[in-house]
Amino acid sequence: QVQLVESGGGLVQAGGSLRLSCAASGTILSNNAMGWYRQAPGKSRELVAVITSGGNTNYADSVKGRFTISRGAKSAVYLQMNSLKPEDTAVYYCYATFSNTYWGQGTQVTVSS
């Protein structure tokens, strides 16, 4: 059973930074993609960033140049968020996809103006 646990969310002022972490446990196949989605109130879930096992990355246009996704040991995934804006306020979900897609429980990010 794969489990993903996010941490690092919180309240920050506009222009500030946060670093989200996603700890993975269970059997994760070596050929995978992991990343982050977010969902703001009243909006659909949107892809923020993804990184493949080969290190290829992709970002939503709205976060390019401000957010950086990276991998760590034991399938950990991180999202460094700089120059945060109020419109970045959302619940951020970690996900991993290989044979199936797995989701974390989400972590709240709130950016005040």
N, C-alpha and C. Protein backbone atom coordinates (compact mmCIF):
# COMPACT_ATOMS: atom_id res chain seq x y z
N GLN A 1 0.85 -1.18 0.00
CA GLN A 1 0.00 0.00 0.00
C GLN A 1 0.89 1.24 0.00
N VAL A 2 0.62 2.14 -0.93
CA VAL A 2 1.39 3.37 -1.04
C VAL A 2 0.72 4.45 -0.20
N GLN A 3 1.51 5.14 0.58
CA GLN A 3 1.00 6.28 1.35
C GLN A 3 1.86 7.50 1.08
N LEU A 4 1.20 8.63 0.92
CA LEU A 4 1.88 9.90 0.71
C LEU A 4 1.44 10.87 1.80
N VAL A 5 2.39 11.49 2.45
CA VAL A 5 2.08 12.41 3.54
C VAL A 5 2.77 13.74 3.27
N GLU A 6 1.95 14.79 3.13
CA GLU A 6 2.48 16.13 2.87
C GLU A 6 2.73 16.87 4.18
N SER A 7 3.64 17.80 4.13
CA SER A 7 3.89 18.71 5.24
C SER A 7 4.48 20.00 4.70
N GLY A 8 4.49 21.02 5.54
CA GLY A 8 5.13 22.27 5.16
C GLY A 8 4.20 23.40 4.79
N GLY A 9 2.90 23.13 4.74
CA GLY A 9 1.96 24.20 4.44
C GLY A 9 1.85 25.17 5.60
N GLY A 10 1.13 26.27 5.36
CA GLY A 10 0.95 27.25 6.42
C GLY A 10 0.51 28.58 5.88
N LEU A 11 0.61 29.58 6.72
CA LEU A 11 0.21 30.95 6.38
C LEU A 11 1.47 31.77 6.16
N VAL A 12 1.49 32.49 5.04
CA VAL A 12 2.65 33.31 4.71
C VAL A 12 2.16 34.59 4.03
N GLN A 13 2.92 35.64 4.16
CA GLN A 13 2.57 36.89 3.49
C GLN A 13 2.98 36.83 2.02
N ALA A 14 2.31 37.61 1.21
CA ALA A 14 2.67 37.70 -0.21
C ALA A 14 4.15 38.07 -0.34
N GLY A 15 4.81 37.39 -1.28
CA GLY A 15 6.23 37.59 -1.47
C GLY A 15 7.10 36.63 -0.69
N GLY A 16 6.48 35.91 0.23
CA GLY A 16 7.22 34.97 1.06
C GLY A 16 7.43 33.63 0.39
N SER A 17 8.00 32.70 1.16
CA SER A 17 8.33 31.38 0.64
C SER A 17 7.86 30.29 1.58
N LEU A 18 7.58 29.14 0.99
CA LEU A 18 7.27 27.92 1.73
C LEU A 18 7.90 26.76 0.99
N ARG A 19 8.20 25.71 1.74
CA ARG A 19 8.70 24.48 1.13
C ARG A 19 7.81 23.33 1.56
N LEU A 20 7.14 22.72 0.58
CA LEU A 20 6.30 21.57 0.85
C LEU A 20 7.11 20.29 0.69
N SER A 21 6.82 19.34 1.55
CA SER A 21 7.47 18.03 1.48
C SER A 21 6.42 16.94 1.34
N CYS A 22 6.77 15.90 0.64
CA CYS A 22 5.89 14.73 0.49
C CYS A 22 6.73 13.49 0.78
N ALA A 23 6.37 12.79 1.84
CA ALA A 23 7.05 11.55 2.22
C ALA A 23 6.25 10.38 1.71
N ALA A 24 6.92 9.49 1.00
CA ALA A 24 6.25 8.34 0.41
C ALA A 24 6.67 7.06 1.12
N SER A 25 5.71 6.17 1.29
CA SER A 25 6.00 4.86 1.85
C SER A 25 5.26 3.81 1.06
N GLY A 26 5.75 2.56 1.16
CA GLY A 26 5.16 1.50 0.38
C GLY A 26 6.00 1.21 -0.85
N THR A 27 5.48 0.41 -1.72
CA THR A 27 6.22 0.00 -2.91
C THR A 27 5.92 0.96 -4.06
N ILE A 28 6.92 1.73 -4.43
CA ILE A 28 6.80 2.67 -5.53
C ILE A 28 7.73 2.21 -6.64
N LEU A 29 7.16 1.92 -7.78
CA LEU A 29 7.95 1.44 -8.90
C LEU A 29 8.94 2.49 -9.36
N SER A 30 10.06 2.03 -9.87
CA SER A 30 11.14 2.94 -10.23
C SER A 30 10.75 3.87 -11.37
N ASN A 31 9.89 3.41 -12.27
CA ASN A 31 9.45 4.24 -13.40
C ASN A 31 8.16 4.93 -13.00
N ASN A 32 8.27 6.18 -12.55
CA ASN A 32 7.09 6.86 -12.01
C ASN A 32 7.15 8.34 -12.27
N ALA A 33 6.09 9.00 -11.98
CA ALA A 33 6.03 10.45 -11.95
C ALA A 33 5.41 10.86 -10.63
N MET A 34 5.94 11.91 -10.06
CA MET A 34 5.39 12.43 -8.81
C MET A 34 5.29 13.93 -8.93
N GLY A 35 4.36 14.48 -8.17
CA GLY A 35 4.20 15.92 -8.31
C GLY A 35 3.17 16.47 -7.35
N TRP A 36 2.71 17.67 -7.71
CA TRP A 36 1.78 18.42 -6.86
C TRP A 36 0.63 18.98 -7.69
N TYR A 37 -0.54 18.82 -7.14
CA TYR A 37 -1.73 19.50 -7.62
C TYR A 37 -2.17 20.47 -6.52
N ARG A 38 -3.04 21.38 -6.89
CA ARG A 38 -3.65 22.24 -5.88
C ARG A 38 -5.11 22.49 -6.23
N GLN A 39 -5.88 22.80 -5.20
CA GLN A 39 -7.28 23.10 -5.39
C GLN A 39 -7.66 24.27 -4.50
N ALA A 40 -8.07 25.34 -5.14
CA ALA A 40 -8.55 26.52 -4.42
C ALA A 40 -10.05 26.41 -4.23
N PRO A 41 -10.61 27.12 -3.24
CA PRO A 41 -12.05 27.06 -3.00
C PRO A 41 -12.84 27.42 -4.25
N GLY A 42 -13.80 26.58 -4.60
CA GLY A 42 -14.65 26.84 -5.73
C GLY A 42 -14.03 26.58 -7.08
N LYS A 43 -12.81 26.04 -7.09
CA LYS A 43 -12.11 25.78 -8.35
C LYS A 43 -11.79 24.30 -8.46
N SER A 44 -11.53 23.86 -9.68
CA SER A 44 -11.14 22.47 -9.89
C SER A 44 -9.67 22.29 -9.56
N ARG A 45 -9.31 21.03 -9.33
CA ARG A 45 -7.91 20.73 -9.01
C ARG A 45 -7.05 20.96 -10.24
N GLU A 46 -5.88 21.58 -10.06
CA GLU A 46 -5.00 21.86 -11.19
C GLU A 46 -3.59 21.38 -10.91
N LEU A 47 -2.91 20.97 -11.97
CA LEU A 47 -1.53 20.53 -11.84
C LEU A 47 -0.63 21.73 -11.58
N VAL A 48 0.25 21.59 -10.60
CA VAL A 48 1.21 22.63 -10.28
C VAL A 48 2.58 22.29 -10.87
N ALA A 49 3.05 21.09 -10.55
CA ALA A 49 4.38 20.67 -11.02
C ALA A 49 4.48 19.17 -10.97
N VAL A 50 5.28 18.61 -11.86
CA VAL A 50 5.49 17.17 -11.90
C VAL A 50 6.96 16.91 -12.21
N ILE A 51 7.47 15.81 -11.66
CA ILE A 51 8.83 15.39 -11.94
C ILE A 51 8.82 13.89 -12.19
N THR A 52 9.48 13.46 -13.24
CA THR A 52 9.53 12.04 -13.55
C THR A 52 10.74 11.40 -12.85
N SER A 53 10.77 10.08 -12.88
CA SER A 53 11.89 9.37 -12.29
C SER A 53 13.19 9.69 -13.03
N GLY A 54 13.07 10.14 -14.27
CA GLY A 54 14.25 10.53 -15.03
C GLY A 54 14.68 11.96 -14.78
N GLY A 55 13.92 12.67 -13.98
CA GLY A 55 14.29 14.04 -13.63
C GLY A 55 13.67 15.12 -14.49
N ASN A 56 12.84 14.75 -15.44
CA ASN A 56 12.16 15.75 -16.26
C ASN A 56 11.08 16.44 -15.44
N THR A 57 10.94 17.74 -15.63
CA THR A 57 9.97 18.51 -14.87
C THR A 57 9.04 19.28 -15.79
N ASN A 58 7.88 19.58 -15.25
CA ASN A 58 6.91 20.39 -15.96
C ASN A 58 6.15 21.22 -14.93
N TYR A 59 5.85 22.46 -15.29
CA TYR A 59 5.19 23.37 -14.37
C TYR A 59 3.99 24.04 -15.02
N ALA A 60 3.02 24.37 -14.18
CA ALA A 60 1.94 25.23 -14.66
C ALA A 60 2.53 26.59 -15.00
N ASP A 61 1.97 27.23 -16.02
CA ASP A 61 2.48 28.54 -16.43
C ASP A 61 2.44 29.55 -15.29
N SER A 62 1.44 29.42 -14.44
CA SER A 62 1.26 30.39 -13.36
C SER A 62 2.35 30.32 -12.29
N VAL A 63 3.12 29.24 -12.26
CA VAL A 63 4.15 29.10 -11.21
C VAL A 63 5.56 29.04 -11.77
N LYS A 64 5.70 29.04 -13.07
CA LYS A 64 7.04 28.97 -13.67
C LYS A 64 7.90 30.14 -13.21
N GLY A 65 9.13 29.81 -12.84
CA GLY A 65 10.05 30.83 -12.36
C GLY A 65 9.92 31.12 -10.88
N ARG A 66 8.87 30.61 -10.25
CA ARG A 66 8.67 30.85 -8.81
C ARG A 66 8.73 29.56 -8.00
N PHE A 67 8.26 28.47 -8.56
CA PHE A 67 8.23 27.19 -7.86
C PHE A 67 9.27 26.25 -8.46
N THR A 68 9.83 25.40 -7.60
CA THR A 68 10.79 24.40 -8.06
C THR A 68 10.46 23.06 -7.41
N ILE A 69 10.30 22.04 -8.25
CA ILE A 69 10.04 20.70 -7.75
C ILE A 69 11.34 19.91 -7.78
N SER A 70 11.52 19.05 -6.77
CA SER A 70 12.73 18.25 -6.72
C SER A 70 12.43 16.93 -6.02
N ARG A 71 13.33 16.00 -6.18
CA ARG A 71 13.20 14.69 -5.53
C ARG A 71 14.28 14.54 -4.47
N GLY A 72 13.94 13.72 -3.47
CA GLY A 72 14.90 13.39 -2.44
C GLY A 72 15.02 11.89 -2.30
N ALA A 73 15.62 11.45 -1.22
CA ALA A 73 15.80 10.03 -0.96
C ALA A 73 14.46 9.37 -0.68
N LYS A 74 14.38 8.09 -0.97
CA LYS A 74 13.19 7.29 -0.63
C LYS A 74 11.92 7.86 -1.24
N SER A 75 12.00 8.32 -2.48
CA SER A 75 10.85 8.82 -3.24
C SER A 75 10.21 10.06 -2.62
N ALA A 76 10.95 10.78 -1.81
CA ALA A 76 10.42 12.05 -1.31
C ALA A 76 10.38 13.07 -2.45
N VAL A 77 9.40 13.96 -2.35
CA VAL A 77 9.25 15.02 -3.34
C VAL A 77 9.06 16.33 -2.61
N TYR A 78 9.67 17.37 -3.14
CA TYR A 78 9.61 18.69 -2.51
C TYR A 78 9.10 19.73 -3.51
N LEU A 79 8.49 20.76 -2.97
CA LEU A 79 8.07 21.89 -3.80
C LEU A 79 8.51 23.16 -3.09
N GLN A 80 9.51 23.81 -3.63
CA GLN A 80 9.96 25.08 -3.11
C GLN A 80 9.15 26.18 -3.78
N MET A 81 8.46 26.96 -2.97
CA MET A 81 7.57 28.00 -3.50
C MET A 81 8.09 29.36 -3.04
N ASN A 82 8.50 30.16 -3.99
CA ASN A 82 9.01 31.50 -3.72
C ASN A 82 8.08 32.55 -4.33
N SER A 83 8.23 33.77 -3.88
CA SER A 83 7.44 34.88 -4.41
C SER A 83 5.95 34.54 -4.43
N LEU A 84 5.47 34.03 -3.33
CA LEU A 84 4.09 33.57 -3.25
C LEU A 84 3.11 34.73 -3.42
N LYS A 85 1.99 34.41 -4.04
CA LYS A 85 0.93 35.38 -4.31
C LYS A 85 -0.36 34.91 -3.65
N PRO A 86 -1.27 35.83 -3.37
CA PRO A 86 -2.56 35.40 -2.78
C PRO A 86 -3.27 34.36 -3.63
N GLU A 87 -3.11 34.42 -4.93
CA GLU A 87 -3.77 33.43 -5.80
C GLU A 87 -3.15 32.05 -5.72
N ASP A 88 -2.06 31.91 -5.00
CA ASP A 88 -1.48 30.57 -4.75
C ASP A 88 -2.18 29.87 -3.59
N THR A 89 -3.06 30.57 -2.91
CA THR A 89 -3.78 29.98 -1.79
C THR A 89 -4.62 28.80 -2.27
N ALA A 90 -4.40 27.65 -1.64
CA ALA A 90 -5.08 26.42 -2.05
C ALA A 90 -4.67 25.30 -1.11
N VAL A 91 -5.35 24.17 -1.25
CA VAL A 91 -4.87 22.93 -0.64
C VAL A 91 -3.98 22.25 -1.68
N TYR A 92 -2.78 21.92 -1.27
CA TYR A 92 -1.79 21.30 -2.16
C TYR A 92 -1.73 19.80 -1.88
N TYR A 93 -1.85 19.02 -2.96
CA TYR A 93 -1.85 17.57 -2.86
C TYR A 93 -0.64 16.99 -3.57
N CYS A 94 0.02 16.10 -2.88
CA CYS A 94 1.09 15.32 -3.49
C CYS A 94 0.48 14.12 -4.20
N TYR A 95 1.06 13.72 -5.31
CA TYR A 95 0.58 12.51 -5.97
C TYR A 95 1.76 11.74 -6.56
N ALA A 96 1.51 10.45 -6.76
CA ALA A 96 2.48 9.58 -7.41
C ALA A 96 1.73 8.68 -8.37
N THR A 97 2.28 8.50 -9.56
CA THR A 97 1.60 7.67 -10.53
C THR A 97 2.58 6.71 -11.16
N PHE A 98 2.24 5.44 -11.18
CA PHE A 98 2.98 4.42 -11.91
C PHE A 98 1.98 3.38 -12.36
N SER A 99 1.68 2.34 -11.62
CA SER A 99 0.62 1.42 -12.03
C SER A 99 -0.75 2.01 -11.72
N ASN A 100 -0.83 2.75 -10.66
CA ASN A 100 -2.03 3.50 -10.27
C ASN A 100 -1.61 4.91 -9.87
N THR A 101 -2.60 5.72 -9.56
CA THR A 101 -2.31 7.06 -9.06
C THR A 101 -2.70 7.14 -7.59
N TYR A 102 -1.78 7.65 -6.79
CA TYR A 102 -1.98 7.75 -5.34
C TYR A 102 -1.91 9.22 -4.93
N TRP A 103 -2.68 9.55 -3.90
CA TRP A 103 -2.79 10.93 -3.45
C TRP A 103 -2.50 11.04 -1.96
N GLY A 104 -1.93 12.17 -1.57
CA GLY A 104 -1.82 12.50 -0.17
C GLY A 104 -3.10 13.16 0.32
N GLN A 105 -3.12 13.52 1.60
CA GLN A 105 -4.34 14.08 2.18
C GLN A 105 -4.43 15.58 1.97
N GLY A 106 -3.36 16.20 1.54
CA GLY A 106 -3.36 17.63 1.26
C GLY A 106 -2.83 18.45 2.41
N THR A 107 -2.25 19.60 2.06
CA THR A 107 -1.78 20.55 3.06
C THR A 107 -2.19 21.95 2.62
N GLN A 108 -2.68 22.73 3.56
CA GLN A 108 -3.22 24.05 3.24
C GLN A 108 -2.09 25.06 3.12
N VAL A 109 -2.13 25.84 2.05
CA VAL A 109 -1.23 26.98 1.87
C VAL A 109 -2.10 28.22 1.76
N THR A 110 -1.86 29.18 2.61
CA THR A 110 -2.61 30.42 2.60
C THR A 110 -1.64 31.58 2.48
N VAL A 111 -1.84 32.41 1.45
CA VAL A 111 -0.98 33.56 1.22
C VAL A 111 -1.80 34.82 1.43
N SER A 112 -1.41 35.61 2.39
CA SER A 112 -2.13 36.85 2.70
C SER A 112 -1.55 38.03 1.92
N SER A 113 -2.42 38.95 1.58
CA SER A 113 -1.97 40.12 0.79
C SER A 113 -1.51 41.25 1.69
